[in-house]
Protein backbone atom coordinates (compact mmCIF):
# COMPACT_ATOMS: atom_id res chain seq x y z
CA MET A 1 30.43 99.61 27.59
CA LEU A 2 33.77 98.41 26.23
CA ARG A 3 35.40 95.23 27.51
CA ALA A 4 38.66 93.42 26.69
CA THR A 5 40.59 90.49 28.18
CA HIS A 6 44.21 89.48 27.67
CA LEU A 7 43.93 85.70 27.65
CA PRO A 8 47.63 84.86 28.21
CA THR A 9 47.70 86.71 31.56
CA GLY A 10 44.05 86.88 32.55
CA ALA A 11 44.23 90.68 32.73
CA GLY A 12 41.48 92.84 31.32
CA PHE A 13 39.35 95.95 31.62
CA VAL A 14 35.82 97.28 31.34
CA LEU A 15 35.09 100.90 30.43
CA ARG A 16 31.70 102.27 31.49
CA HIS A 17 30.01 105.63 31.15
CA TRP A 18 27.34 106.81 33.59
CA ASP A 19 24.99 109.66 32.84
CA LYS A 20 25.68 112.15 35.59
CA ALA A 21 22.03 112.02 36.72
CA GLN A 22 22.56 108.35 37.67
CA ILE A 23 25.31 109.39 40.08
CA LEU A 24 23.93 112.69 41.35
CA ASP A 25 20.47 111.29 42.10
CA VAL A 26 21.90 109.40 45.08
CA ARG A 27 21.80 112.74 46.91
CA LYS A 28 18.10 113.45 46.27
CA ARG A 29 17.39 112.70 49.92
CA VAL A 30 19.30 115.84 50.91
CA GLU A 31 16.65 118.51 51.29
CA ARG A 32 18.74 121.54 52.13
CA LYS A 33 20.83 123.43 49.60
CA LEU A 34 23.97 121.46 48.75
CA ASP A 35 26.48 121.64 45.93
CA VAL A 36 25.77 118.07 44.85
CA GLU A 37 28.29 118.02 42.01
CA ALA A 38 31.07 119.14 44.35
CA ALA A 39 29.97 116.51 46.88
CA MET A 40 30.13 113.82 44.19
CA SER A 41 33.53 114.53 42.63
CA PRO A 42 35.31 111.49 41.15
CA ASP A 43 37.23 110.52 44.27
CA ARG A 44 33.98 110.68 46.26
CA VAL A 45 32.35 108.47 43.63
CA ALA A 46 35.22 105.99 44.03
CA LEU A 47 34.45 105.88 47.77
CA LEU A 48 30.73 105.51 47.03
CA PHE A 49 31.38 102.49 44.80
CA GLN A 50 33.68 100.98 47.42
CA LYS A 51 31.09 101.37 50.15
CA SER A 52 28.33 99.97 47.92
CA HIS A 53 30.30 96.69 47.72
CA GLU A 54 31.19 96.38 51.41
CA ASP A 55 28.81 93.44 51.91
CA GLU A 56 30.22 91.53 48.94
CA PRO A 57 33.26 89.23 48.96
CA ILE A 58 35.46 91.62 46.98
CA GLY A 59 38.34 91.28 49.40
CA GLU A 60 40.66 93.88 50.81
CA THR A 61 40.64 97.54 49.80
CA LEU A 62 44.22 98.73 49.43
CA TYR A 63 43.50 102.32 48.41
CA VAL A 64 40.46 104.48 47.78
CA GLY A 65 40.53 108.22 47.16
CA PRO A 66 42.06 110.71 44.76
CA ALA A 67 44.63 109.36 42.32
CA ASP A 68 47.70 110.72 44.07
CA GLY A 69 50.24 112.41 41.86
CA VAL A 70 47.74 113.61 39.24
CA ASP A 71 44.74 115.92 39.02
CA PRO A 72 42.62 115.44 42.18
CA GLN A 73 39.60 115.19 39.90
CA VAL A 74 40.58 111.59 39.14
CA GLY A 75 39.37 108.97 41.63
CA ARG A 76 40.98 105.59 42.35
CA TRP A 77 39.92 102.37 44.06
CA VAL A 78 42.36 99.45 44.29
CA TYR A 79 41.44 96.16 45.94
CA ARG A 80 42.58 92.55 46.15
CA PRO A 81 39.86 89.87 46.10
CA PRO A 82 40.53 86.38 47.44
CA ALA A 83 41.70 84.08 44.64
CA ALA A 84 39.25 81.48 43.41
CA GLU A 85 40.42 77.88 43.58
CA GLY A 86 42.81 77.17 40.74
CA GLU A 87 42.98 80.82 39.72
CA PRO A 88 45.86 83.27 40.23
CA GLU A 89 45.49 86.08 42.73
CA ARG A 90 44.44 89.29 41.00
CA VAL A 91 44.42 92.97 41.87
CA TRP A 92 41.64 95.24 40.61
CA TRP A 93 42.12 98.94 39.92
CA GLN A 94 39.20 101.26 39.20
CA VAL A 95 39.56 104.81 37.86
CA PHE A 96 36.82 107.47 37.90
CA TRP A 97 36.66 110.83 36.13
CA ARG A 98 34.14 113.40 34.87
CA SER A 99 33.11 115.04 31.66
CA ALA A 100 30.33 117.60 31.23
CA ASP A 101 27.50 115.08 31.07
CA ASP A 102 28.98 111.78 32.20
CA TYR A 103 31.02 110.02 34.82
CA HIS A 104 33.52 107.53 33.44
CA GLN A 105 34.65 104.34 35.16
CA LEU A 106 37.51 102.12 34.06
CA VAL A 107 37.65 98.76 35.85
CA ALA A 108 40.92 96.93 35.19
CA TRP A 109 42.45 93.80 36.68
CA SER A 110 45.74 91.96 36.49
CA PRO A 111 47.44 88.99 38.13
CA ALA A 112 49.07 90.15 41.35
CA ALA A 113 52.32 88.59 40.16
CA ARG A 114 52.47 91.25 37.42
CA PHE A 115 51.35 94.11 39.61
CA ALA A 116 54.48 96.25 39.19
CA ASP A 117 53.94 96.57 35.43
CA PHE A 118 50.18 96.92 35.90
CA ALA A 119 50.57 99.72 38.45
CA GLN A 120 52.91 101.66 36.19
CA ALA A 121 50.45 101.36 33.30
CA MET A 122 47.48 102.43 35.45
CA ARG A 123 49.34 105.44 36.85
CA ALA A 124 50.27 106.47 33.31
CA LEU A 125 46.63 106.16 32.28
CA GLU A 126 45.49 108.29 35.25
CA GLY A 127 48.07 110.91 34.32
CA SER A 128 46.78 111.04 30.75
CA ILE A 129 43.21 111.97 31.79
CA THR A 130 42.59 115.64 31.05
CA PRO A 131 39.40 117.73 31.26
CA ALA A 132 37.35 117.92 28.10
CA PRO A 133 37.60 121.29 26.31
CA GLY A 134 35.23 123.79 27.86
CA PHE A 135 34.47 121.69 30.95
CA THR A 136 35.63 122.71 34.40
CA ALA A 137 34.94 120.10 37.07
CA PRO A 138 33.49 121.37 40.36
CA GLN A 139 35.99 121.43 43.19
CA THR A 140 35.69 118.58 45.67
CA LEU A 141 33.56 119.28 48.74
CA LEU A 142 35.68 118.12 51.68
CA PHE A 143 33.43 119.27 54.50
CA ASP A 144 29.90 120.58 54.89
CA SER A 145 28.55 121.58 58.28
CA GLY A 146 24.91 121.51 57.27
CA ARG A 147 24.50 125.20 58.03
CA ASP A 148 23.33 127.65 55.39
CA ASP A 149 24.47 130.87 57.09
CA CYS A 150 27.94 130.55 55.60
CA GLY A 151 30.55 132.85 54.25
CA PRO A 152 33.11 131.91 51.58
CA PRO A 153 34.35 128.33 51.91
CA ALA A 154 37.83 127.54 53.15
CA ARG A 155 40.21 125.90 50.71
CA ALA A 156 42.47 122.95 51.43
CA ASP A 157 44.76 120.63 49.50
CA ARG A 158 44.91 117.10 50.91
CA ALA A 159 47.88 115.94 48.84
CA LEU A 160 49.92 119.01 49.74
CA ALA A 161 49.01 118.69 53.42
CA ILE A 162 50.22 115.09 53.43
CA ARG A 163 53.49 115.95 51.76
CA ASP A 164 54.08 118.94 54.04
CA SER A 165 53.55 116.77 57.10
CA ARG A 166 56.51 115.18 58.84
CA ARG A 167 54.41 112.00 58.99
CA PHE A 168 54.83 111.62 55.22
CA THR A 169 58.59 111.31 55.63
CA GLU A 170 58.11 108.98 58.59
CA ALA A 171 55.71 106.84 56.56
CA ARG A 172 58.25 106.50 53.76
CA GLU A 173 60.87 105.45 56.29
CA ARG A 174 58.49 102.85 57.77
CA LEU A 175 57.77 101.56 54.29
CA ARG A 176 61.43 101.24 53.42
CA ALA A 177 62.24 99.53 56.73
CA ALA A 178 59.48 96.98 56.17
CA TRP A 179 60.19 96.38 52.48
CA THR A 180 64.00 95.99 52.65
CA PRO A 181 63.98 92.63 54.50
CA TYR A 182 61.11 91.52 52.25
CA ARG A 183 63.22 92.43 49.20
CA ASP A 184 66.27 90.61 50.51
CA ASP A 185 64.42 87.46 51.56
CA PRO A 186 60.89 87.26 50.08
CA PRO A 187 58.59 84.80 51.84
CA ALA A 188 57.92 81.59 49.95
CA GLY A 189 55.15 82.08 47.42
CA ALA A 190 54.98 85.82 48.06
CA LEU A 191 54.76 88.59 45.50
CA ASP A 192 57.95 89.72 43.85
CA PRO A 193 59.54 92.64 45.76
CA ALA A 194 58.76 95.24 43.07
CA SER A 195 55.04 94.37 43.06
CA ALA A 196 54.96 94.24 46.86
CA LEU A 197 56.54 97.69 47.02
CA TYR A 198 53.91 99.21 44.72
CA LEU A 199 51.12 97.64 46.76
CA ALA A 200 52.65 98.81 50.05
CA GLU A 201 52.98 102.34 48.69
CA LEU A 202 49.25 102.30 47.91
CA THR A 203 48.26 101.09 51.37
CA THR A 204 50.56 103.66 52.99
CA MET A 205 49.05 106.53 51.00
CA ASP A 206 45.57 105.24 51.83
CA ALA A 207 46.34 105.53 55.56
CA LEU A 208 47.70 109.06 55.07
CA TYR A 209 44.63 110.15 53.10
CA ARG A 210 42.34 108.78 55.81
CA SER A 211 44.23 110.92 58.32
CA ALA A 212 44.05 114.00 56.06
CA GLU A 213 40.28 113.55 55.64
CA ALA A 214 39.76 113.29 59.39
CA CYS A 215 41.96 116.33 59.96
CA VAL A 216 40.02 118.44 57.47
CA HIS A 217 36.84 117.69 59.42
CA LYS A 218 38.50 118.27 62.79
CA SER A 219 40.00 121.59 61.72
CA ALA A 220 36.73 122.76 60.17
CA ARG A 221 34.79 122.03 63.35
CA GLU A 222 37.38 123.70 65.54
CA ARG A 223 37.31 126.83 63.39
CA ARG A 224 33.54 126.58 62.82
CA ASP A 225 33.97 126.69 59.05
CA CYS A 226 30.77 125.93 57.19
CA ARG A 227 32.32 124.40 54.10
CA VAL A 228 35.72 123.34 52.85
CA LEU A 229 36.53 122.86 49.18
CA GLU A 230 39.64 121.32 47.71
CA GLY A 231 41.54 123.78 45.60
CA PRO A 232 44.48 126.17 45.48
CA VAL A 233 45.23 127.43 48.97
CA SER A 234 45.45 131.23 48.94
CA GLY A 235 44.50 133.96 51.36
CA ALA A 236 45.18 134.17 55.07
CA SER A 237 42.14 132.18 56.15
CA SER A 238 42.74 129.20 53.85
CA GLU A 239 46.47 129.22 54.54
CA ALA A 240 45.77 129.06 58.27
CA PHE A 241 43.29 126.24 57.66
CA GLN A 242 45.85 124.31 55.62
CA GLN A 243 48.49 124.72 58.32
CA GLY A 244 46.01 123.39 60.84
CA VAL A 245 45.44 120.29 58.74
CA VAL A 246 49.20 119.68 58.51
CA ARG A 247 49.57 120.04 62.30
CA CYS A 248 46.68 117.67 62.84
CA ILE A 249 48.26 114.99 60.62
CA ASP A 250 51.55 115.44 62.48
CA GLU A 251 49.76 114.92 65.80
CA ASP A 252 47.32 112.17 64.70
CA PRO A 253 47.50 109.62 67.57
CA GLU A 254 46.00 106.84 65.42
CA LEU A 255 48.25 107.21 62.40
CA ASP A 256 51.12 104.99 63.59
CA ALA A 257 48.77 102.05 64.09
CA ALA A 258 47.08 102.75 60.76
CA LEU A 259 50.42 102.75 58.95
CA ASP A 260 51.45 99.51 60.65
CA ALA A 261 48.18 97.89 59.58
CA ALA A 262 48.60 99.23 56.04
CA LEU A 263 52.04 97.68 55.68
CA ALA A 264 50.91 94.42 57.25
CA LYS A 265 48.33 94.00 54.47
CA VAL A 266 51.11 93.52 51.95
CA LEU A 267 54.44 92.92 53.67
CA GLY A 268 53.34 91.20 56.85
CA ALA A 269 55.13 93.95 58.76
CA THR A 270 54.22 94.73 62.37
């Protein structure tokens, strides 16, 4: 484990390495045949860590899932704990990735007041993570029906489905409409507009990824697909599946409320 703290700002990080058996053993209870490594890809591990802390006072999760904008084999969890008395508010950002024998976890934190710079640095770090020579990470398992009488899995791309959906454009418009008055007249004691914008972008993408996840499951059940993996979408069957996911996001009746709640976490928008 490697740890460092920047005393002038109170920022810091911890870098941990987990033998893959420590992570994959959590699925020992599954008796039937299952591609455990695909089921425990880095963004799934990020979600696992988030859920394992749900009963602790870690505060509000702003984003958990794949690190959008980079290789989907990088996981991200961003959250904002309540500030201790006399301490500045901080935002924590965890990054997860794989090598052949290990999972890697970077836990970093920064004062919320410096979040804009922190977010740019963390995104640059995520973008610099590349697979080790000779190692090909298993594709993420997005859906498993529990049946073994299956043909080839369908393929889907969550990030592409989000960006192909009209709801992505609508979400950006909602974000801009909520942030502009915040930028022009920030509430007393609030985050600077640039930091608030980065945080609001994260919460917005989190809501969109939750919708995409639900739509993958809904589409798979409707089509009676046994398994869905994340990967390049090619072939008539996977292309039809992907189009179904996009339609589902477009028609998601809960997404408007989820986006409103996401923006309210940061901007107080309604």
